[in-house]
Protein backbone atom coordinates (compact mmCIF):
# COMPACT_ATOMS: atom_id res chain seq x y z
CA UNK A 1 117.46 34.32 86.41
CA UNK A 2 118.57 36.11 89.59
CA UNK A 3 115.17 37.72 90.02
CA UNK A 4 113.43 34.31 89.63
CA UNK A 5 115.56 32.84 92.44
CA UNK A 6 114.94 35.84 94.71
CA UNK A 7 111.22 35.70 93.95
CA UNK A 8 111.08 31.99 94.71
CA UNK A 9 112.92 32.46 98.04
CA UNK A 10 110.64 35.32 99.07
CA UNK A 11 107.62 33.17 98.17
CA UNK A 12 108.87 30.30 100.29
CA UNK A 13 109.65 32.49 103.23
CA UNK A 14 106.32 34.28 103.08
CA UNK A 15 104.51 30.91 102.76
CA UNK A 16 106.30 29.51 105.79
CA UNK A 17 105.92 32.62 108.05
CA UNK A 18 102.31 33.45 107.10
CA UNK A 19 100.42 30.10 107.20
CA UNK A 20 97.42 31.23 105.22
CA UNK A 21 94.60 28.69 105.04
CA UNK A 22 91.37 28.62 103.19
CA UNK A 23 88.09 26.78 103.57
CA UNK A 24 87.95 23.30 101.97
CA UNK A 25 84.95 24.57 100.05
CA UNK A 26 87.37 26.57 97.88
CA UNK A 27 89.86 23.73 97.37
CA UNK A 28 88.65 23.06 93.83
CA UNK A 29 88.97 26.67 92.83
CA UNK A 30 92.30 27.17 94.44
CA UNK A 31 93.79 23.96 92.92
CA UNK A 32 92.69 24.91 89.43
CA UNK A 33 94.04 28.46 89.84
CA UNK A 34 97.36 27.05 91.12
CA UNK A 35 97.56 24.78 88.04
CA UNK A 36 96.98 27.76 85.83
CA UNK A 37 99.72 29.75 87.67
CA UNK A 38 102.15 26.89 87.26
CA UNK A 39 101.35 26.77 83.53
CA UNK A 40 102.27 30.48 83.32
CA UNK A 41 105.49 29.98 85.29
CA UNK A 42 106.61 27.16 83.00
CA UNK A 43 105.60 29.22 79.98
CA UNK A 44 107.69 32.10 81.33
CA UNK A 45 110.70 29.85 81.85
CA UNK A 46 110.30 28.51 78.34
CA UNK A 47 109.99 32.03 76.92
CA UNK A 48 113.15 33.09 78.85
CA UNK A 49 115.12 30.18 77.43
CA UNK A 50 113.97 31.08 73.95
CA UNK A 51 114.80 34.79 74.60
CA UNK A 52 111.18 35.80 74.05
CA UNK A 53 110.28 36.67 77.59
CA UNK A 54 108.04 39.71 78.21
CA UNK A 55 107.08 40.73 81.70
CA UNK A 56 103.75 42.19 80.66
CA UNK A 57 102.69 38.98 78.92
CA UNK A 58 103.81 36.94 81.86
CA UNK A 59 102.01 38.95 84.48
CA UNK A 60 98.83 39.23 82.52
CA UNK A 61 98.90 35.50 81.77
CA UNK A 62 99.70 34.58 85.40
CA UNK A 63 96.75 36.47 86.93
CA UNK A 64 94.48 36.13 83.88
CA UNK A 65 94.85 32.33 83.66
CA UNK A 66 94.32 31.91 87.35
CA UNK A 67 91.25 34.08 87.40
CA UNK A 68 89.74 32.46 84.31
CA UNK A 69 90.42 28.90 85.59
CA UNK A 70 88.84 29.66 88.97
CA UNK A 71 85.88 31.42 87.40
CA UNK A 72 85.40 28.47 85.02
CA UNK A 73 85.41 26.07 87.98
CA UNK A 74 82.96 28.38 89.83
CA UNK A 75 80.50 28.60 86.90
CA UNK A 76 80.67 24.88 86.45
CA UNK A 77 80.00 24.34 90.13
CA UNK A 78 76.99 26.65 89.98
CA UNK A 79 75.61 24.82 86.86
CA UNK A 80 76.30 21.45 88.25
CA UNK A 81 78.69 20.59 85.39
CA UNK A 82 82.38 19.82 86.00
CA UNK A 83 83.79 22.55 83.73
CA UNK A 84 86.93 22.55 85.77
CA UNK A 85 87.93 19.46 83.75
CA UNK A 86 88.47 21.81 80.80
CA UNK A 87 90.96 23.89 82.79
CA UNK A 88 92.71 20.84 84.18
CA UNK A 89 93.08 19.30 80.71
CA UNK A 90 94.21 22.56 79.02
CA UNK A 91 96.59 23.82 81.63
CA UNK A 92 97.88 20.30 82.49
CA UNK A 93 98.69 19.47 78.91
CA UNK A 94 100.32 22.88 78.42
CA UNK A 95 102.36 22.42 81.54
CA UNK A 96 103.80 19.13 80.33
CA UNK A 97 104.34 20.56 76.84
CA UNK A 98 106.30 23.47 78.27
CA UNK A 99 108.27 21.17 80.57
CA UNK A 100 109.24 19.01 77.59
CA UNK A 101 110.37 22.07 75.63
CA UNK A 102 112.30 23.43 78.59
CA UNK A 103 114.04 20.11 78.97
CA UNK A 104 114.99 20.01 75.27
CA UNK A 105 116.23 23.55 75.35
CA UNK A 106 118.43 22.90 78.39
CA UNK A 107 119.75 19.70 76.93
CA UNK A 108 120.45 21.41 73.67
CA UNK A 109 122.33 24.30 75.39
CA UNK A 110 124.38 21.83 77.37
CA UNK A 111 125.20 19.86 74.22
CA UNK A 112 126.39 23.12 72.54
CA UNK A 113 128.68 23.94 75.42
CA UNK A 114 130.36 20.51 75.19
């Protein structure tokens, strides 16, 4: 948990000090990749709460999902088909599912303590 907090703080500081921008042309690809990364983060938090966290699985899923989602959006853009909807639907539903599980796990742990 300590490493997650430190990593978050480092990310916020780097984001504030290095204002990196990208072309609006890539907004679709970046947004789908960010959604995929958020899915991986929520999955990692869930796995940690279930005592099943593995760093290799997290890192490979984080970058793999982001690259796959951006690539899917790119291919769809080239074909003229909105394939990014598949990534939005999949990662969005998994994100909400992981959040629901995290919430239940935290509520269950708090209930056990009382």
